[in-house]
């Protein structure tokens, strides 16, 4: 497949997911490059959610998952990933498509941010990261809020913030744990296009500055080609094409991808 391959952080080989004899994901090979933004694009039913859940190790217990995942040189059999993949999964942060899903409506944002920081500190201990002093931890947390242009919490509740601000806060929750990968699940579905574009500008900028890979799962090729370094096209459980944004836009090799390219601006505008 097209697209450069340098310094893979994650290497998926032969990922296959079946349920009741039906193949949901069909022998997918895919790399995630360190520090890149990779978009996985496909229509509803293409297998995006199943692929995402396979990476997170949270597939339905009735699903049969097979294949191999190599993370920073560490090999993991995907058939037992859900039970044995804690070190890999702890390096992945997930940001849900609906900001309200990730926030407790009955807890003040300041309290929730404190919980996120405490959870991140516990995770660092689990991963045997070097212990940070209190001042260093505070500086790191404050820098995340500054990078994402988040305002003071002022003891507000989630409903008192806009959807865009809620989305940025969820990203801050993800970044505080110093993940290697952030997964964005349909990041614009709950936001209007302008708010979505602003949020994604910040997401990809902060990720680049911190050498964090972003895996964006979306049905929207226009969105993907504006913010991603590479695009992987998924259809009916098969990975049909992978390439840089320029390659996908100028020389798609599959008819399905060509059709997506032709219609990518319909109904959406990201500026």
C-alpha atoms as a PDB file:
ATOM      1  CA  UNK A   1       0.000   0.000   0.000  1.00  0.00           C
ATOM      2  CA  UNK A   2       1.016   3.618  -0.541  1.00  0.00           C
ATOM      3  CA  UNK A   3       2.366   5.893   2.181  1.00  0.00           C
ATOM      4  CA  UNK A   4       5.697   6.217   3.910  1.00  0.00           C
ATOM      5  CA  UNK A   5       6.617   3.878   6.745  1.00  0.00           C
ATOM      6  CA  UNK A   6       9.101   5.248   9.244  1.00  0.00           C
ATOM      7  CA  UNK A   7       9.387   4.642  12.980  1.00  0.00           C
ATOM      8  CA  UNK A   8       6.184   2.633  13.485  1.00  0.00           C
ATOM      9  CA  UNK A   9       4.830   2.979  16.991  1.00  0.00           C
ATOM     10  CA  UNK A  10       2.143   0.363  16.399  1.00  0.00           C
ATOM     11  CA  UNK A  11       2.129  -2.460  13.856  1.00  0.00           C
ATOM     12  CA  UNK A  12      -1.069  -4.428  13.334  1.00  0.00           C
ATOM     13  CA  UNK A  13      -0.717  -7.679  11.401  1.00  0.00           C
ATOM     14  CA  UNK A  14      -3.566  -9.880  10.272  1.00  0.00           C
ATOM     15  CA  UNK A  15      -6.195  -8.345  12.562  1.00  0.00           C
ATOM     16  CA  UNK A  16      -9.324 -10.411  12.015  1.00  0.00           C
ATOM     17  CA  UNK A  17     -12.587 -10.171  13.948  1.00  0.00           C
ATOM     18  CA  UNK A  18     -15.476 -12.586  13.457  1.00  0.00           C
ATOM     19  CA  UNK A  19     -18.870 -12.939  15.085  1.00  0.00           C
ATOM     20  CA  UNK A  20     -21.200 -15.864  14.535  1.00  0.00           C
ATOM     21  CA  UNK A  21     -19.322 -16.874  11.408  1.00  0.00           C
ATOM     22  CA  UNK A  22     -19.484 -13.356   9.950  1.00  0.00           C
ATOM     23  CA  UNK A  23     -16.199 -11.594   9.213  1.00  0.00           C
ATOM     24  CA  UNK A  24     -16.323  -8.064  10.642  1.00  0.00           C
ATOM     25  CA  UNK A  25     -12.638  -7.203  10.172  1.00  0.00           C
ATOM     26  CA  UNK A  26     -10.781  -9.078   7.452  1.00  0.00           C
ATOM     27  CA  UNK A  27      -7.034  -9.561   7.978  1.00  0.00           C
ATOM     28  CA  UNK A  28      -5.992  -5.916   8.371  1.00  0.00           C
ATOM     29  CA  UNK A  29      -2.336  -4.842   8.342  1.00  0.00           C
ATOM     30  CA  UNK A  30      -1.790  -1.271   9.531  1.00  0.00           C
ATOM     31  CA  UNK A  31       0.993   0.833  11.043  1.00  0.00           C
ATOM     32  CA  UNK A  32       0.680   3.911  13.215  1.00  0.00           C
ATOM     33  CA  UNK A  33       3.743   6.138  12.912  1.00  0.00           C
ATOM     34  CA  UNK A  34       5.072   7.880  16.006  1.00  0.00           C
ATOM     35  CA  UNK A  35       3.829  11.470  16.170  1.00  0.00           C
ATOM     36  CA  UNK A  36       1.566  11.295  13.117  1.00  0.00           C
ATOM     37  CA  UNK A  37      -2.165  11.880  12.721  1.00  0.00           C
ATOM     38  CA  UNK A  38      -3.716   8.881  10.980  1.00  0.00           C
ATOM     39  CA  UNK A  39      -7.366   8.977   9.904  1.00  0.00           C
ATOM     40  CA  UNK A  40      -9.387   5.813   9.437  1.00  0.00           C
ATOM     41  CA  UNK A  41     -12.189   6.660   7.026  1.00  0.00           C
ATOM     42  CA  UNK A  42     -15.232   4.634   6.080  1.00  0.00           C
ATOM     43  CA  UNK A  43     -18.995   4.768   5.886  1.00  0.00           C
ATOM     44  CA  UNK A  44     -21.329   3.425   8.556  1.00  0.00           C
ATOM     45  CA  UNK A  45     -20.886  -0.339   8.838  1.00  0.00           C
ATOM     46  CA  UNK A  46     -17.377  -0.320   7.368  1.00  0.00           C
ATOM     47  CA  UNK A  47     -15.898  -1.747  10.570  1.00  0.00           C
ATOM     48  CA  UNK A  48     -14.429   1.425  12.088  1.00  0.00           C
ATOM     49  CA  UNK A  49     -15.939   0.876  15.538  1.00  0.00           C
ATOM     50  CA  UNK A  50     -14.893  -2.781  15.629  1.00  0.00           C
ATOM     51  CA  UNK A  51     -11.347  -1.840  14.620  1.00  0.00           C
ATOM     52  CA  UNK A  52     -11.254   0.869  17.278  1.00  0.00           C
ATOM     53  CA  UNK A  53     -12.566  -1.472  19.978  1.00  0.00           C
ATOM     54  CA  UNK A  54      -9.992  -4.080  18.954  1.00  0.00           C
ATOM     55  CA  UNK A  55      -7.202  -1.557  19.513  1.00  0.00           C
ATOM     56  CA  UNK A  56      -8.670  -0.645  22.897  1.00  0.00           C
ATOM     57  CA  UNK A  57      -9.080  -4.294  23.867  1.00  0.00           C
ATOM     58  CA  UNK A  58     -12.783  -3.917  24.629  1.00  0.00           C
ATOM     59  CA  UNK A  59     -14.480  -6.044  21.982  1.00  0.00           C
ATOM     60  CA  UNK A  60     -17.638  -7.978  22.770  1.00  0.00           C
ATOM     61  CA  UNK A  61     -16.850 -11.264  24.531  1.00  0.00           C
ATOM     62  CA  UNK A  62     -18.684 -13.115  21.739  1.00  0.00           C
ATOM     63  CA  UNK A  63     -16.274 -11.755  19.127  1.00  0.00           C
ATOM     64  CA  UNK A  64     -13.354 -13.897  17.977  1.00  0.00           C
ATOM     65  CA  UNK A  65     -10.272 -11.683  17.611  1.00  0.00           C
ATOM     66  CA  UNK A  66      -6.988 -12.849  16.086  1.00  0.00           C
ATOM     67  CA  UNK A  67      -3.825 -11.281  14.750  1.00  0.00           C
ATOM     68  CA  UNK A  68      -0.707  -9.657  16.122  1.00  0.00           C
ATOM     69  CA  UNK A  69       0.015  -6.209  17.530  1.00  0.00           C
ATOM     70  CA  UNK A  70       3.546  -4.893  17.997  1.00  0.00           C
ATOM     71  CA  UNK A  71       3.805  -1.812  20.210  1.00  0.00           C
ATOM     72  CA  UNK A  72       7.258  -0.218  20.554  1.00  0.00           C
ATOM     73  CA  UNK A  73       8.782  -3.590  19.715  1.00  0.00           C
ATOM     74  CA  UNK A  74       6.624  -5.494  22.204  1.00  0.00           C
ATOM     75  CA  UNK A  75       4.568  -8.210  20.519  1.00  0.00           C
ATOM     76  CA  UNK A  76       1.022  -8.958  21.666  1.00  0.00           C
ATOM     77  CA  UNK A  77      -1.222 -11.801  20.505  1.00  0.00           C
ATOM     78  CA  UNK A  78      -4.587 -10.133  19.875  1.00  0.00           C
ATOM     79  CA  UNK A  79      -6.516 -13.267  20.817  1.00  0.00           C
ATOM     80  CA  UNK A  80      -5.587 -12.591  24.468  1.00  0.00           C
ATOM     81  CA  UNK A  81      -5.063  -8.830  24.211  1.00  0.00           C
ATOM     82  CA  UNK A  82      -8.082  -7.907  26.338  1.00  0.00           C
ATOM     83  CA  UNK A  83      -6.710  -9.868  29.294  1.00  0.00           C
ATOM     84  CA  UNK A  84      -2.954  -9.404  28.821  1.00  0.00           C
ATOM     85  CA  UNK A  85      -2.513  -6.095  27.003  1.00  0.00           C
ATOM     86  CA  UNK A  86      -2.600  -3.694  29.952  1.00  0.00           C
ATOM     87  CA  UNK A  87       0.816  -2.149  29.290  1.00  0.00           C
ATOM     88  CA  UNK A  88      -0.153  -1.367  25.701  1.00  0.00           C
ATOM     89  CA  UNK A  89      -3.680  -0.173  26.489  1.00  0.00           C
ATOM     90  CA  UNK A  90      -2.400   2.096  29.263  1.00  0.00           C
ATOM     91  CA  UNK A  91      -0.470   4.010  26.584  1.00  0.00           C
ATOM     92  CA  UNK A  92      -3.661   4.740  24.634  1.00  0.00           C
ATOM     93  CA  UNK A  93      -6.092   7.532  25.517  1.00  0.00           C
ATOM     94  CA  UNK A  94      -9.625   7.500  24.123  1.00  0.00           C
ATOM     95  CA  UNK A  95     -11.722  10.622  23.500  1.00  0.00           C
ATOM     96  CA  UNK A  96     -15.410   9.755  22.854  1.00  0.00           C
ATOM     97  CA  UNK A  97     -17.382  11.379  20.052  1.00  0.00           C
ATOM     98  CA  UNK A  98     -19.890  12.956  22.443  1.00  0.00           C
ATOM     99  CA  UNK A  99     -18.138  15.151  25.051  1.00  0.00           C
ATOM    100  CA  UNK A 100     -20.941  14.687  27.579  1.00  0.00           C
ATOM    101  CA  UNK A 101     -20.233  10.934  27.694  1.00  0.00           C
ATOM    102  CA  UNK A 102     -16.799  11.547  29.193  1.00  0.00           C
ATOM    103  CA  UNK A 103     -17.897  14.075  31.814  1.00  0.00           C
ATOM    104  CA  UNK A 104     -19.906  13.583  35.000  1.00  0.00           C
ATOM    105  CA  UNK A 105     -22.808  16.070  34.819  1.00  0.00           C
ATOM    106  CA  UNK A 106     -23.120  16.154  38.631  1.00  0.00           C
ATOM    107  CA  UNK A 107     -19.475  16.931  39.394  1.00  0.00           C
ATOM    108  CA  UNK A 108     -17.760  20.284  39.019  1.00  0.00           C
ATOM    109  CA  UNK A 109     -15.127  20.469  36.289  1.00  0.00           C
ATOM    110  CA  UNK A 110     -12.416  21.482  38.739  1.00  0.00           C
ATOM    111  CA  UNK A 111     -13.019  18.271  40.728  1.00  0.00           C
ATOM    112  CA  UNK A 112     -13.017  16.150  37.562  1.00  0.00           C
ATOM    113  CA  UNK A 113      -9.722  17.689  36.437  1.00  0.00           C
ATOM    114  CA  UNK A 114      -8.258  16.852  39.847  1.00  0.00           C
ATOM    115  CA  UNK A 115      -9.407  13.254  39.491  1.00  0.00           C
ATOM    116  CA  UNK A 116      -7.813  13.051  36.050  1.00  0.00           C
ATOM    117  CA  UNK A 117      -4.507  14.291  37.465  1.00  0.00           C
ATOM    118  CA  UNK A 118      -4.605  11.797  40.329  1.00  0.00           C
ATOM    119  CA  UNK A 119      -5.412   8.972  37.925  1.00  0.00           C
ATOM    120  CA  UNK A 120      -2.516   9.990  35.691  1.00  0.00           C
ATOM    121  CA  UNK A 121      -0.134   9.969  38.650  1.00  0.00           C
ATOM    122  CA  UNK A 122      -1.239   6.454  39.608  1.00  0.00           C
ATOM    123  CA  UNK A 123      -0.814   5.313  36.000  1.00  0.00           C
ATOM    124  CA  UNK A 124       2.727   6.685  35.872  1.00  0.00           C
ATOM    125  CA  UNK A 125       3.543   4.588  38.934  1.00  0.00           C
ATOM    126  CA  UNK A 126       2.068   1.514  37.261  1.00  0.00           C
ATOM    127  CA  UNK A 127       4.204   2.138  34.176  1.00  0.00           C
ATOM    128  CA  UNK A 128       7.295   2.812  36.331  1.00  0.00           C
ATOM    129  CA  UNK A 129       7.713   6.302  34.935  1.00  0.00           C
ATOM    130  CA  UNK A 130      10.056   8.615  36.804  1.00  0.00           C
ATOM    131  CA  UNK A 131       8.252  10.207  39.726  1.00  0.00           C
ATOM    132  CA  UNK A 132       7.587  13.913  39.235  1.00  0.00           C
ATOM    133  CA  UNK A 133       7.747  16.459  42.018  1.00  0.00           C
ATOM    134  CA  UNK A 134       4.628  18.412  42.950  1.00  0.00           C
ATOM    135  CA  UNK A 135       5.856  21.582  41.244  1.00  0.00           C
ATOM    136  CA  UNK A 136       6.793  19.724  38.065  1.00  0.00           C
ATOM    137  CA  UNK A 137       3.414  17.972  37.965  1.00  0.00           C
ATOM    138  CA  UNK A 138       1.576  21.263  38.426  1.00  0.00           C
ATOM    139  CA  UNK A 139       3.632  22.927  35.696  1.00  0.00           C
ATOM    140  CA  UNK A 140       2.893  20.056  33.304  1.00  0.00           C
ATOM    141  CA  UNK A 141      -0.847  20.185  34.031  1.00  0.00           C
ATOM    142  CA  UNK A 142      -0.960  23.975  33.714  1.00  0.00           C
ATOM    143  CA  UNK A 143       0.903  23.767  30.408  1.00  0.00           C
ATOM    144  CA  UNK A 144      -1.689  21.362  28.998  1.00  0.00           C
ATOM    145  CA  UNK A 145      -4.509  23.748  29.900  1.00  0.00           C
ATOM    146  CA  UNK A 146      -2.566  26.637  28.374  1.00  0.00           C
ATOM    147  CA  UNK A 147      -1.826  24.722  25.158  1.00  0.00           C
ATOM    148  CA  UNK A 148      -5.508  23.889  24.739  1.00  0.00           C
ATOM    149  CA  UNK A 149      -6.557  27.451  25.564  1.00  0.00           C
ATOM    150  CA  UNK A 150      -8.811  26.305  28.370  1.00  0.00           C
ATOM    151  CA  UNK A 151     -10.230  28.893  30.728  1.00  0.00           C
ATOM    152  CA  UNK A 152     -10.249  28.718  34.515  1.00  0.00           C
ATOM    153  CA  UNK A 153     -12.715  26.146  35.778  1.00  0.00           C
ATOM    154  CA  UNK A 154     -14.314  28.457  38.383  1.00  0.00           C
ATOM    155  CA  UNK A 155     -16.179  25.495  39.896  1.00  0.00           C
ATOM    156  CA  UNK A 156     -18.434  25.206  36.859  1.00  0.00           C
ATOM    157  CA  UNK A 157     -20.414  22.139  35.841  1.00  0.00           C
ATOM    158  CA  UNK A 158     -20.105  20.560  32.359  1.00  0.00           C
ATOM    159  CA  UNK A 159     -23.392  22.022  31.105  1.00  0.00           C
ATOM    160  CA  UNK A 160     -22.037  25.514  31.798  1.00  0.00           C
ATOM    161  CA  UNK A 161     -19.342  25.026  29.164  1.00  0.00           C
ATOM    162  CA  UNK A 162     -19.830  24.871  25.402  1.00  0.00           C
ATOM    163  CA  UNK A 163     -19.453  21.582  23.526  1.00  0.00           C
ATOM    164  CA  UNK A 164     -16.188  22.817  22.071  1.00  0.00           C
ATOM    165  CA  UNK A 165     -14.773  23.604  25.508  1.00  0.00           C
ATOM    166  CA  UNK A 166     -15.951  20.228  26.817  1.00  0.00           C
ATOM    167  CA  UNK A 167     -14.132  18.538  23.926  1.00  0.00           C
ATOM    168  CA  UNK A 168     -10.929  20.384  24.769  1.00  0.00           C
ATOM    169  CA  UNK A 169     -11.244  19.370  28.406  1.00  0.00           C
ATOM    170  CA  UNK A 170     -11.565  15.708  27.415  1.00  0.00           C
ATOM    171  CA  UNK A 171      -8.402  16.096  25.365  1.00  0.00           C
ATOM    172  CA  UNK A 172      -6.696  17.562  28.440  1.00  0.00           C
ATOM    173  CA  UNK A 173      -7.852  14.503  30.399  1.00  0.00           C
ATOM    174  CA  UNK A 174      -6.198  12.353  27.731  1.00  0.00           C
ATOM    175  CA  UNK A 175      -2.949  14.338  27.592  1.00  0.00           C
ATOM    176  CA  UNK A 176      -2.378  14.467  31.348  1.00  0.00           C
ATOM    177  CA  UNK A 177      -1.574  10.732  31.338  1.00  0.00           C
ATOM    178  CA  UNK A 178       1.153  11.249  28.699  1.00  0.00           C
ATOM    179  CA  UNK A 179      -0.220   8.666  26.249  1.00  0.00           C
ATOM    180  CA  UNK A 180       1.605   7.506  23.146  1.00  0.00           C
ATOM    181  CA  UNK A 181      -1.647   7.456  21.140  1.00  0.00           C
ATOM    182  CA  UNK A 182      -4.881   9.432  21.356  1.00  0.00           C
ATOM    183  CA  UNK A 183      -7.917   7.926  19.649  1.00  0.00           C
ATOM    184  CA  UNK A 184     -10.563  10.399  18.473  1.00  0.00           C
ATOM    185  CA  UNK A 185     -13.879   8.689  17.773  1.00  0.00           C
ATOM    186  CA  UNK A 186     -15.886  10.693  15.189  1.00  0.00           C
ATOM    187  CA  UNK A 187     -14.537  13.912  16.756  1.00  0.00           C
ATOM    188  CA  UNK A 188     -16.948  16.255  14.943  1.00  0.00           C
ATOM    189  CA  UNK A 189     -20.235  14.371  15.257  1.00  0.00           C
ATOM    190  CA  UNK A 190     -21.396  16.331  18.318  1.00  0.00           C
ATOM    191  CA  UNK A 191     -20.011  19.704  17.192  1.00  0.00           C
ATOM    192  CA  UNK A 192     -20.824  22.177  14.453  1.00  0.00           C
ATOM    193  CA  UNK A 193     -18.175  22.327  11.686  1.00  0.00           C
ATOM    194  CA  UNK A 194     -16.537  25.587  12.796  1.00  0.00           C
ATOM    195  CA  UNK A 195     -16.238  24.524  16.446  1.00  0.00           C
ATOM    196  CA  UNK A 196     -15.035  21.097  15.310  1.00  0.00           C
ATOM    197  CA  UNK A 197     -12.323  22.592  13.113  1.00  0.00           C
ATOM    198  CA  UNK A 198     -11.031  24.800  15.928  1.00  0.00           C
ATOM    199  CA  UNK A 199     -10.928  21.855  18.330  1.00  0.00           C
ATOM    200  CA  UNK A 200      -9.064  19.666  15.844  1.00  0.00           C
ATOM    201  CA  UNK A 201      -6.526  22.386  15.091  1.00  0.00           C
ATOM    202  CA  UNK A 202      -5.652  22.385  18.797  1.00  0.00           C
ATOM    203  CA  UNK A 203      -5.701  18.576  19.055  1.00  0.00           C
ATOM    204  CA  UNK A 204      -3.299  17.990  16.190  1.00  0.00           C
ATOM    205  CA  UNK A 205      -1.040  20.909  17.143  1.00  0.00           C
ATOM    206  CA  UNK A 206      -0.624  19.827  20.765  1.00  0.00           C
ATOM    207  CA  UNK A 207      -0.137  16.204  19.727  1.00  0.00           C
ATOM    208  CA  UNK A 208       2.637  17.168  17.282  1.00  0.00           C
ATOM    209  CA  UNK A 209       4.357  19.262  19.936  1.00  0.00           C
ATOM    210  CA  UNK A 210       4.325  16.314  22.337  1.00  0.00           C
ATOM    211  CA  UNK A 211       5.138  13.606  19.728  1.00  0.00           C
ATOM    212  CA  UNK A 212       1.800  11.885  20.362  1.00  0.00           C
ATOM    213  CA  UNK A 213       0.165   9.876  17.605  1.00  0.00           C
ATOM    214  CA  UNK A 214      -3.473  10.685  16.842  1.00  0.00           C
ATOM    215  CA  UNK A 215      -5.773   8.018  15.449  1.00  0.00           C
ATOM    216  CA  UNK A 216      -8.885   9.720  14.083  1.00  0.00           C
ATOM    217  CA  UNK A 217     -11.884   7.528  13.254  1.00  0.00           C
ATOM    218  CA  UNK A 218     -14.325   9.309  10.948  1.00  0.00           C
ATOM    219  CA  UNK A 219     -16.779   8.904   8.066  1.00  0.00           C
ATOM    220  CA  UNK A 220     -15.774  12.330   6.716  1.00  0.00           C
ATOM    221  CA  UNK A 221     -12.948  12.347   4.162  1.00  0.00           C
ATOM    222  CA  UNK A 222     -12.954  16.157   3.954  1.00  0.00           C
ATOM    223  CA  UNK A 223     -12.173  16.281   7.655  1.00  0.00           C
ATOM    224  CA  UNK A 224      -9.577  13.529   7.401  1.00  0.00           C
ATOM    225  CA  UNK A 225      -7.641  15.096   4.541  1.00  0.00           C
ATOM    226  CA  UNK A 226      -7.492  18.481   6.255  1.00  0.00           C
ATOM    227  CA  UNK A 227      -6.053  17.257   9.543  1.00  0.00           C
ATOM    228  CA  UNK A 228      -4.389  13.875   8.932  1.00  0.00           C
ATOM    229  CA  UNK A 229      -0.900  13.074   7.689  1.00  0.00           C
ATOM    230  CA  UNK A 230      -2.095   9.737   6.333  1.00  0.00           C
ATOM    231  CA  UNK A 231      -5.497   8.254   5.551  1.00  0.00           C
ATOM    232  CA  UNK A 232      -6.571   4.612   5.770  1.00  0.00           C
ATOM    233  CA  UNK A 233      -9.774   3.754   3.896  1.00  0.00           C
ATOM    234  CA  UNK A 234     -11.963   0.995   5.311  1.00  0.00           C
ATOM    235  CA  UNK A 235     -14.859  -0.680   3.490  1.00  0.00           C
ATOM    236  CA  UNK A 236     -16.860  -3.752   4.522  1.00  0.00           C
ATOM    237  CA  UNK A 237     -14.229  -4.765   7.052  1.00  0.00           C
ATOM    238  CA  UNK A 238     -11.335  -4.545   4.592  1.00  0.00           C
ATOM    239  CA  UNK A 239      -8.542  -1.990   4.536  1.00  0.00           C
ATOM    240  CA  UNK A 240      -8.587  -1.094   0.860  1.00  0.00           C
ATOM    241  CA  UNK A 241      -6.097   1.762   0.705  1.00  0.00           C
ATOM    242  CA  UNK A 242      -3.564   3.629   2.842  1.00  0.00           C
ATOM    243  CA  UNK A 243      -1.644   6.697   1.736  1.00  0.00           C
ATOM    244  CA  UNK A 244      -0.529  10.185   2.565  1.00  0.00           C
ATOM    245  CA  UNK A 245      -3.203  12.848   2.305  1.00  0.00           C
ATOM    246  CA  UNK A 246      -1.783  14.038  -1.019  1.00  0.00           C
ATOM    247  CA  UNK A 247      -1.698  10.502  -2.412  1.00  0.00           C
ATOM    248  CA  UNK A 248      -5.304   9.836  -1.447  1.00  0.00           C
ATOM    249  CA  UNK A 249      -6.517  13.134  -2.925  1.00  0.00           C
ATOM    250  CA  UNK A 250      -4.496  13.117  -6.142  1.00  0.00           C
ATOM    251  CA  UNK A 251      -4.074   9.451  -7.048  1.00  0.00           C
ATOM    252  CA  UNK A 252      -6.517   7.144  -5.252  1.00  0.00           C
ATOM    253  CA  UNK A 253      -6.038   3.579  -6.431  1.00  0.00           C
ATOM    254  CA  UNK A 254      -9.416   2.112  -5.455  1.00  0.00           C
ATOM    255  CA  UNK A 255     -12.804   3.067  -7.002  1.00  0.00           C
ATOM    256  CA  UNK A 256     -14.365   3.378  -3.541  1.00  0.00           C
ATOM    257  CA  UNK A 257     -11.696   5.867  -2.485  1.00  0.00           C
ATOM    258  CA  UNK A 258     -12.102   7.785  -5.746  1.00  0.00           C
ATOM    259  CA  UNK A 259     -15.820   8.112  -5.058  1.00  0.00           C
ATOM    260  CA  UNK A 260     -15.117   9.411  -1.548  1.00  0.00           C
ATOM    261  CA  UNK A 261     -12.684  11.966  -2.960  1.00  0.00           C
ATOM    262  CA  UNK A 262     -15.195  13.196  -5.547  1.00  0.00           C
ATOM    263  CA  UNK A 263     -17.875  13.778  -2.920  1.00  0.00           C
ATOM    264  CA  UNK A 264     -15.762  14.821   0.048  1.00  0.00           C
ATOM    265  CA  UNK A 265     -17.047  18.428   0.193  1.00  0.00           C
ATOM    266  CA  UNK A 266     -20.747  17.613   0.145  1.00  0.00           C
ATOM    267  CA  UNK A 267     -22.478  19.048   3.184  1.00  0.00           C
ATOM    268  CA  UNK A 268     -19.336  19.983   5.089  1.00  0.00           C
ATOM    269  CA  UNK A 269     -16.910  22.854   5.195  1.00  0.00           C
ATOM    270  CA  UNK A 270     -13.903  22.983   7.484  1.00  0.00           C
ATOM    271  CA  UNK A 271     -12.006  26.214   7.466  1.00  0.00           C
END
